[in-house]
Amino acid sequence: MRATSTMLRLGATAALLLGACLSLPRPEPVELFTIDPPFEAGPVSGPVSGPVLLVPSPRAGPGLEGPRIAYLLRPNQLQYFSRSQWVEPPARMLGPLAIRALERTGRFQAVTAAAHGTRPDLRLDVELARLQQEFTGLPSRVRCTLRLQLTDLAGHRVIGTRELEAVEPAPSEDAAGGAAAANLAVKRALAEAAEWCAGLSDGWRTAPVTSSGR
């Protein structure tokens, strides 16, 4: 009888624990967004006499190291959406996009993320300083800020530096609207960066050092 009573108590306890586990709320799924704006087709190939451009993986500014989507409700106070994020850190997604934007200018013999058997002439370093949705007005807007440095590798000198910025209104006041605006802002910023870099590369062997803001 005592053994039977013990088994009944154990069975009741297990049933209670199982019921508690089954009744636990399931976590809400996380929305995933990507940055992959389309670029119009450029020339099939760059000029043979153009420089070979090395574009290492872009660096991430403070607060942008991970996949979280950043937003601001008030100036200088960065926050993150809890149920929405990028599929991977945004600076990492910028690398292939930057190469695509530079290739379509048709001003480079090659644009590469790594020196595979070739000796690059120039190096473009890109930092994603800001990518944030700002709810400080209506509609909210997304700000993309890039910091650029173009270096002559053979001459061991900086040809030019620049900080540029693109701001786009969000079509809706949520993470989905911010992601749509971010794609437009990134595309515009990279297109401007590519034209700036291509312009300096035209006379890269004799180009003076330049520095400019936005």
C-alpha atoms as a PDB file:
ATOM      1  CA  MET A   1       0.000   0.000   0.000  1.00  0.00           C
ATOM      2  CA  ARG A   2       2.795   2.428   0.910  1.00  0.00           C
ATOM      3  CA  ALA A   3       4.588   1.756  -2.406  1.00  0.00           C
ATOM      4  CA  THR A   4       1.354   2.260  -4.323  1.00  0.00           C
ATOM      5  CA  SER A   5       0.711   5.567  -2.545  1.00  0.00           C
ATOM      6  CA  THR A   6       4.236   6.768  -3.352  1.00  0.00           C
ATOM      7  CA  MET A   7       3.826   5.886  -7.014  1.00  0.00           C
ATOM      8  CA  LEU A   8       0.529   7.753  -7.170  1.00  0.00           C
ATOM      9  CA  ARG A   9       2.115  10.861  -5.661  1.00  0.00           C
ATOM     10  CA  LEU A  10       5.018  10.687  -8.135  1.00  0.00           C
ATOM     11  CA  GLY A  11       2.592  10.269 -11.016  1.00  0.00           C
ATOM     12  CA  ALA A  12       0.543  13.264  -9.891  1.00  0.00           C
ATOM     13  CA  THR A  13       3.679  15.385  -9.536  1.00  0.00           C
ATOM     14  CA  ALA A  14       4.863  14.424 -13.025  1.00  0.00           C
ATOM     15  CA  ALA A  15       1.446  15.274 -14.468  1.00  0.00           C
ATOM     16  CA  LEU A  16       1.514  18.687 -12.805  1.00  0.00           C
ATOM     17  CA  LEU A  17       5.022  19.406 -14.115  1.00  0.00           C
ATOM     18  CA  LEU A  18       4.050  18.300 -17.626  1.00  0.00           C
ATOM     19  CA  GLY A  19       0.962  20.488 -17.529  1.00  0.00           C
ATOM     20  CA  ALA A  20       3.027  23.468 -16.394  1.00  0.00           C
ATOM     21  CA  CYS A  21       5.499  22.950 -19.228  1.00  0.00           C
ATOM     22  CA  LEU A  22       2.744  22.692 -21.817  1.00  0.00           C
ATOM     23  CA  SER A  23       1.093  25.865 -20.568  1.00  0.00           C
ATOM     24  CA  LEU A  24       4.255  28.018 -20.808  1.00  0.00           C
ATOM     25  CA  PRO A  25       3.843  30.763 -23.431  1.00  0.00           C
ATOM     26  CA  ARG A  26       5.870  30.261 -26.575  1.00  0.00           C
ATOM     27  CA  PRO A  27       8.302  33.066 -27.439  1.00  0.00           C
ATOM     28  CA  GLU A  28       7.198  35.317 -30.275  1.00  0.00           C
ATOM     29  CA  PRO A  29       9.146  34.790 -33.507  1.00  0.00           C
ATOM     30  CA  VAL A  30      11.781  37.369 -34.400  1.00  0.00           C
ATOM     31  CA  GLU A  31      11.293  39.285 -37.658  1.00  0.00           C
ATOM     32  CA  LEU A  32      14.387  39.190 -39.851  1.00  0.00           C
ATOM     33  CA  PHE A  33      15.283  41.921 -42.353  1.00  0.00           C
ATOM     34  CA  THR A  34      18.011  42.188 -44.943  1.00  0.00           C
ATOM     35  CA  ILE A  35      19.859  45.041 -46.663  1.00  0.00           C
ATOM     36  CA  ASP A  36      20.087  44.223 -50.351  1.00  0.00           C
ATOM     37  CA  PRO A  37      18.965  47.123 -52.567  1.00  0.00           C
ATOM     38  CA  PRO A  38      19.130  46.565 -56.331  1.00  0.00           C
ATOM     39  CA  PHE A  39      21.774  48.462 -58.296  1.00  0.00           C
ATOM     40  CA  GLU A  40      21.221  49.246 -61.951  1.00  0.00           C
ATOM     41  CA  ALA A  41      23.577  47.414 -64.291  1.00  0.00           C
ATOM     42  CA  GLY A  42      26.803  49.230 -65.102  1.00  0.00           C
ATOM     43  CA  PRO A  43      29.451  48.555 -67.761  1.00  0.00           C
ATOM     44  CA  VAL A  44      30.252  44.913 -68.466  1.00  0.00           C
ATOM     45  CA  SER A  45      33.885  45.400 -67.476  1.00  0.00           C
ATOM     46  CA  GLY A  46      36.113  48.226 -66.344  1.00  0.00           C
ATOM     47  CA  PRO A  47      38.918  49.751 -68.394  1.00  0.00           C
ATOM     48  CA  VAL A  48      42.105  47.706 -68.556  1.00  0.00           C
ATOM     49  CA  SER A  49      44.158  50.742 -67.556  1.00  0.00           C
ATOM     50  CA  GLY A  50      42.074  51.435 -64.461  1.00  0.00           C
ATOM     51  CA  PRO A  51      43.387  50.703 -60.960  1.00  0.00           C
ATOM     52  CA  VAL A  52      42.693  47.542 -59.000  1.00  0.00           C
ATOM     53  CA  LEU A  53      40.692  48.522 -55.916  1.00  0.00           C
ATOM     54  CA  LEU A  54      40.754  46.601 -52.641  1.00  0.00           C
ATOM     55  CA  VAL A  55      37.649  47.000 -50.440  1.00  0.00           C
ATOM     56  CA  PRO A  56      38.034  45.159 -47.107  1.00  0.00           C
ATOM     57  CA  SER A  57      34.988  44.289 -45.035  1.00  0.00           C
ATOM     58  CA  PRO A  58      33.433  47.521 -43.722  1.00  0.00           C
ATOM     59  CA  ARG A  59      33.885  48.328 -40.050  1.00  0.00           C
ATOM     60  CA  ALA A  60      30.928  48.823 -37.710  1.00  0.00           C
ATOM     61  CA  GLY A  61      30.547  51.977 -35.665  1.00  0.00           C
ATOM     62  CA  PRO A  62      29.653  51.885 -31.956  1.00  0.00           C
ATOM     63  CA  GLY A  63      26.358  50.122 -31.331  1.00  0.00           C
ATOM     64  CA  LEU A  64      26.238  48.498 -34.774  1.00  0.00           C
ATOM     65  CA  GLU A  65      28.474  45.496 -34.161  1.00  0.00           C
ATOM     66  CA  GLY A  66      25.618  42.983 -33.936  1.00  0.00           C
ATOM     67  CA  PRO A  67      22.405  42.247 -35.859  1.00  0.00           C
ATOM     68  CA  ARG A  68      20.107  44.375 -33.707  1.00  0.00           C
ATOM     69  CA  ILE A  69      18.138  47.140 -35.447  1.00  0.00           C
ATOM     70  CA  ALA A  70      18.843  50.504 -33.835  1.00  0.00           C
ATOM     71  CA  TYR A  71      16.380  53.349 -33.321  1.00  0.00           C
ATOM     72  CA  LEU A  72      16.151  56.666 -31.464  1.00  0.00           C
ATOM     73  CA  LEU A  73      13.183  58.161 -29.623  1.00  0.00           C
ATOM     74  CA  ARG A  74      15.262  61.152 -28.599  1.00  0.00           C
ATOM     75  CA  PRO A  75      18.659  62.434 -29.751  1.00  0.00           C
ATOM     76  CA  ASN A  76      21.774  60.527 -28.648  1.00  0.00           C
ATOM     77  CA  GLN A  77      19.849  57.683 -26.958  1.00  0.00           C
ATOM     78  CA  LEU A  78      20.251  54.496 -28.971  1.00  0.00           C
ATOM     79  CA  GLN A  79      17.736  51.677 -28.443  1.00  0.00           C
ATOM     80  CA  TYR A  80      17.000  48.401 -30.242  1.00  0.00           C
ATOM     81  CA  PHE A  81      13.870  46.625 -31.433  1.00  0.00           C
ATOM     82  CA  SER A  82      13.227  43.535 -29.330  1.00  0.00           C
ATOM     83  CA  ARG A  83      11.390  41.406 -31.924  1.00  0.00           C
ATOM     84  CA  SER A  84      13.115  42.564 -35.102  1.00  0.00           C
ATOM     85  CA  GLN A  85      16.713  42.317 -36.262  1.00  0.00           C
ATOM     86  CA  TRP A  86      18.941  42.160 -39.327  1.00  0.00           C
ATOM     87  CA  VAL A  87      19.787  38.729 -40.731  1.00  0.00           C
ATOM     88  CA  GLU A  88      23.420  39.568 -39.966  1.00  0.00           C
ATOM     89  CA  PRO A  89      25.336  42.643 -38.745  1.00  0.00           C
ATOM     90  CA  PRO A  90      24.617  45.492 -41.187  1.00  0.00           C
ATOM     91  CA  ALA A  91      28.300  46.350 -41.755  1.00  0.00           C
ATOM     92  CA  ARG A  92      28.848  42.795 -42.982  1.00  0.00           C
ATOM     93  CA  MET A  93      26.008  43.133 -45.508  1.00  0.00           C
ATOM     94  CA  LEU A  94      27.557  46.381 -46.799  1.00  0.00           C
ATOM     95  CA  GLY A  95      30.711  44.705 -48.154  1.00  0.00           C
ATOM     96  CA  PRO A  96      29.242  43.027 -51.279  1.00  0.00           C
ATOM     97  CA  LEU A  97      26.990  46.059 -51.863  1.00  0.00           C
ATOM     98  CA  ALA A  98      29.959  48.439 -51.829  1.00  0.00           C
ATOM     99  CA  ILE A  99      31.790  46.267 -54.367  1.00  0.00           C
ATOM    100  CA  ARG A 100      28.698  46.163 -56.586  1.00  0.00           C
ATOM    101  CA  ALA A 101      28.308  49.948 -56.461  1.00  0.00           C
ATOM    102  CA  LEU A 102      31.981  50.473 -57.317  1.00  0.00           C
ATOM    103  CA  GLU A 103      31.990  47.939 -60.163  1.00  0.00           C
ATOM    104  CA  ARG A 104      29.074  49.619 -61.904  1.00  0.00           C
ATOM    105  CA  THR A 105      31.083  52.852 -62.267  1.00  0.00           C
ATOM    106  CA  GLY A 106      33.240  51.074 -64.872  1.00  0.00           C
ATOM    107  CA  ARG A 107      36.322  52.958 -63.695  1.00  0.00           C
ATOM    108  CA  PHE A 108      38.259  50.097 -62.113  1.00  0.00           C
ATOM    109  CA  GLN A 109      40.125  47.197 -63.642  1.00  0.00           C
ATOM    110  CA  ALA A 110      38.872  45.110 -60.728  1.00  0.00           C
ATOM    111  CA  VAL A 111      37.187  45.595 -57.358  1.00  0.00           C
ATOM    112  CA  THR A 112      37.936  42.901 -54.810  1.00  0.00           C
ATOM    113  CA  ALA A 113      37.437  42.181 -51.128  1.00  0.00           C
ATOM    114  CA  ALA A 114      40.765  40.319 -50.903  1.00  0.00           C
ATOM    115  CA  ALA A 115      44.025  40.341 -52.854  1.00  0.00           C
ATOM    116  CA  HIS A 116      43.886  36.914 -54.533  1.00  0.00           C
ATOM    117  CA  GLY A 117      47.040  36.786 -56.621  1.00  0.00           C
ATOM    118  CA  THR A 118      46.751  40.439 -57.633  1.00  0.00           C
ATOM    119  CA  ARG A 119      48.456  43.538 -56.294  1.00  0.00           C
ATOM    120  CA  PRO A 120      45.822  46.201 -55.568  1.00  0.00           C
ATOM    121  CA  ASP A 121      46.668  49.791 -56.431  1.00  0.00           C
ATOM    122  CA  LEU A 122      44.148  51.451 -54.143  1.00  0.00           C
ATOM    123  CA  ARG A 123      42.355  50.558 -50.927  1.00  0.00           C
ATOM    124  CA  LEU A 124      38.984  51.906 -49.848  1.00  0.00           C
ATOM    125  CA  ASP A 125      38.204  51.581 -46.137  1.00  0.00           C
ATOM    126  CA  VAL A 126      34.540  51.973 -45.218  1.00  0.00           C
ATOM    127  CA  GLU A 127      33.042  52.453 -41.782  1.00  0.00           C
ATOM    128  CA  LEU A 128      29.303  52.268 -41.162  1.00  0.00           C
ATOM    129  CA  ALA A 129      29.137  55.003 -38.550  1.00  0.00           C
ATOM    130  CA  ARG A 130      25.335  55.205 -38.256  1.00  0.00           C
ATOM    131  CA  LEU A 131      22.337  53.195 -39.391  1.00  0.00           C
ATOM    132  CA  GLN A 132      19.373  54.129 -37.234  1.00  0.00           C
ATOM    133  CA  GLN A 133      15.656  54.827 -37.436  1.00  0.00           C
ATOM    134  CA  GLU A 134      14.854  58.158 -35.828  1.00  0.00           C
ATOM    135  CA  PHE A 135      11.400  58.649 -34.278  1.00  0.00           C
ATOM    136  CA  THR A 136      12.062  62.303 -33.475  1.00  0.00           C
ATOM    137  CA  GLY A 137       9.476  63.480 -36.008  1.00  0.00           C
ATOM    138  CA  LEU A 138       6.795  62.202 -38.370  1.00  0.00           C
ATOM    139  CA  PRO A 139       7.378  60.344 -40.496  1.00  0.00           C
ATOM    140  CA  SER A 140      10.327  58.628 -38.871  1.00  0.00           C
ATOM    141  CA  ARG A 141      13.471  58.520 -40.973  1.00  0.00           C
ATOM    142  CA  VAL A 142      16.539  56.342 -41.350  1.00  0.00           C
ATOM    143  CA  ARG A 143      20.001  57.861 -41.269  1.00  0.00           C
ATOM    144  CA  CYS A 144      22.974  56.093 -42.886  1.00  0.00           C
ATOM    145  CA  THR A 145      26.423  57.615 -42.318  1.00  0.00           C
ATOM    146  CA  LEU A 146      29.579  56.297 -43.989  1.00  0.00           C
ATOM    147  CA  ARG A 147      33.187  57.261 -43.292  1.00  0.00           C
ATOM    148  CA  LEU A 148      35.562  56.640 -46.189  1.00  0.00           C
ATOM    149  CA  GLN A 149      39.316  56.619 -46.687  1.00  0.00           C
ATOM    150  CA  LEU A 150      41.000  56.005 -50.042  1.00  0.00           C
ATOM    151  CA  THR A 151      44.672  54.998 -49.882  1.00  0.00           C
ATOM    152  CA  ASP A 152      47.365  54.639 -52.540  1.00  0.00           C
ATOM    153  CA  LEU A 153      48.962  51.357 -51.487  1.00  0.00           C
ATOM    154  CA  ALA A 154      52.105  51.672 -53.613  1.00  0.00           C
ATOM    155  CA  GLY A 155      52.749  55.256 -52.532  1.00  0.00           C
ATOM    156  CA  HIS A 156      51.766  54.615 -48.916  1.00  0.00           C
ATOM    157  CA  ARG A 157      49.631  57.742 -48.786  1.00  0.00           C
ATOM    158  CA  VAL A 158      46.024  58.681 -48.145  1.00  0.00           C
ATOM    159  CA  ILE A 159      44.452  60.164 -51.267  1.00  0.00           C
ATOM    160  CA  GLY A 160      41.178  61.270 -49.690  1.00  0.00           C
ATOM    161  CA  THR A 161      38.841  60.972 -46.725  1.00  0.00           C
ATOM    162  CA  ARG A 162      35.152  61.735 -46.563  1.00  0.00           C
ATOM    163  CA  GLU A 163      32.082  61.384 -44.378  1.00  0.00           C
ATOM    164  CA  LEU A 164      28.776  61.254 -46.229  1.00  0.00           C
ATOM    165  CA  GLU A 165      25.211  60.763 -45.128  1.00  0.00           C
ATOM    166  CA  ALA A 166      21.878  59.716 -46.623  1.00  0.00           C
ATOM    167  CA  VAL A 167      18.503  60.153 -44.907  1.00  0.00           C
ATOM    168  CA  GLU A 168      15.282  58.510 -46.098  1.00  0.00           C
ATOM    169  CA  PRO A 169      11.713  58.728 -44.688  1.00  0.00           C
ATOM    170  CA  ALA A 170      10.195  55.467 -43.459  1.00  0.00           C
ATOM    171  CA  PRO A 171       6.937  54.323 -45.113  1.00  0.00           C
ATOM    172  CA  SER A 172       5.621  53.047 -41.756  1.00  0.00           C
ATOM    173  CA  GLU A 173       6.399  53.672 -38.096  1.00  0.00           C
ATOM    174  CA  ASP A 174       7.852  50.269 -37.286  1.00  0.00           C
ATOM    175  CA  ALA A 175      10.885  48.100 -37.936  1.00  0.00           C
ATOM    176  CA  ALA A 176       9.573  47.023 -41.346  1.00  0.00           C
ATOM    177  CA  GLY A 177       9.282  50.645 -42.438  1.00  0.00           C
ATOM    178  CA  GLY A 178      12.755  51.314 -41.067  1.00  0.00           C
ATOM    179  CA  ALA A 179      14.222  48.385 -42.985  1.00  0.00           C
ATOM    180  CA  ALA A 180      12.670  49.624 -46.232  1.00  0.00           C
ATOM    181  CA  ALA A 181      14.071  53.123 -45.671  1.00  0.00           C
ATOM    182  CA  ALA A 182      17.455  51.683 -44.667  1.00  0.00           C
ATOM    183  CA  ASN A 183      17.738  49.920 -48.026  1.00  0.00           C
ATOM    184  CA  LEU A 184      17.125  53.201 -49.853  1.00  0.00           C
ATOM    185  CA  ALA A 185      19.526  55.153 -47.628  1.00  0.00           C
ATOM    186  CA  VAL A 186      22.297  52.565 -47.963  1.00  0.00           C
ATOM    187  CA  LYS A 187      21.882  52.464 -51.745  1.00  0.00           C
ATOM    188  CA  ARG A 188      22.093  56.253 -52.046  1.00  0.00           C
ATOM    189  CA  ALA A 189      25.089  56.493 -49.691  1.00  0.00           C
ATOM    190  CA  LEU A 190      27.011  53.739 -51.486  1.00  0.00           C
ATOM    191  CA  ALA A 191      26.265  55.212 -54.920  1.00  0.00           C
ATOM    192  CA  GLU A 192      27.648  58.564 -53.762  1.00  0.00           C
ATOM    193  CA  ALA A 193      30.656  56.860 -52.171  1.00  0.00           C
ATOM    194  CA  ALA A 194      31.364  54.967 -55.406  1.00  0.00           C
ATOM    195  CA  GLU A 195      31.272  58.150 -57.507  1.00  0.00           C
ATOM    196  CA  TRP A 196      33.556  59.936 -55.044  1.00  0.00           C
ATOM    197  CA  CYS A 197      36.040  57.064 -55.090  1.00  0.00           C
ATOM    198  CA  ALA A 198      35.903  56.752 -58.874  1.00  0.00           C
ATOM    199  CA  GLY A 199      36.512  60.458 -59.286  1.00  0.00           C
ATOM    200  CA  LEU A 200      39.630  60.360 -57.133  1.00  0.00           C
ATOM    201  CA  SER A 201      40.893  57.205 -58.836  1.00  0.00           C
ATOM    202  CA  ASP A 202      40.984  58.874 -62.264  1.00  0.00           C
ATOM    203  CA  GLY A 203      44.200  60.668 -61.347  1.00  0.00           C
ATOM    204  CA  TRP A 204      45.303  58.414 -58.534  1.00  0.00           C
ATOM    205  CA  ARG A 205      48.986  58.377 -59.510  1.00  0.00           C
ATOM    206  CA  THR A 206      49.270  62.128 -59.092  1.00  0.00           C
ATOM    207  CA  ALA A 207      46.171  62.979 -57.043  1.00  0.00           C
ATOM    208  CA  PRO A 208      46.731  65.371 -54.137  1.00  0.00           C
ATOM    209  CA  VAL A 209      45.515  64.411 -50.679  1.00  0.00           C
ATOM    210  CA  THR A 210      41.952  65.615 -50.139  1.00  0.00           C
ATOM    211  CA  SER A 211      39.613  65.655 -47.205  1.00  0.00           C
ATOM    212  CA  SER A 212      35.966  66.613 -47.243  1.00  0.00           C
ATOM    213  CA  GLY A 213      32.868  66.337 -45.106  1.00  0.00           C
ATOM    214  CA  ARG A 214      29.384  65.665 -46.250  1.00  0.00           C
END
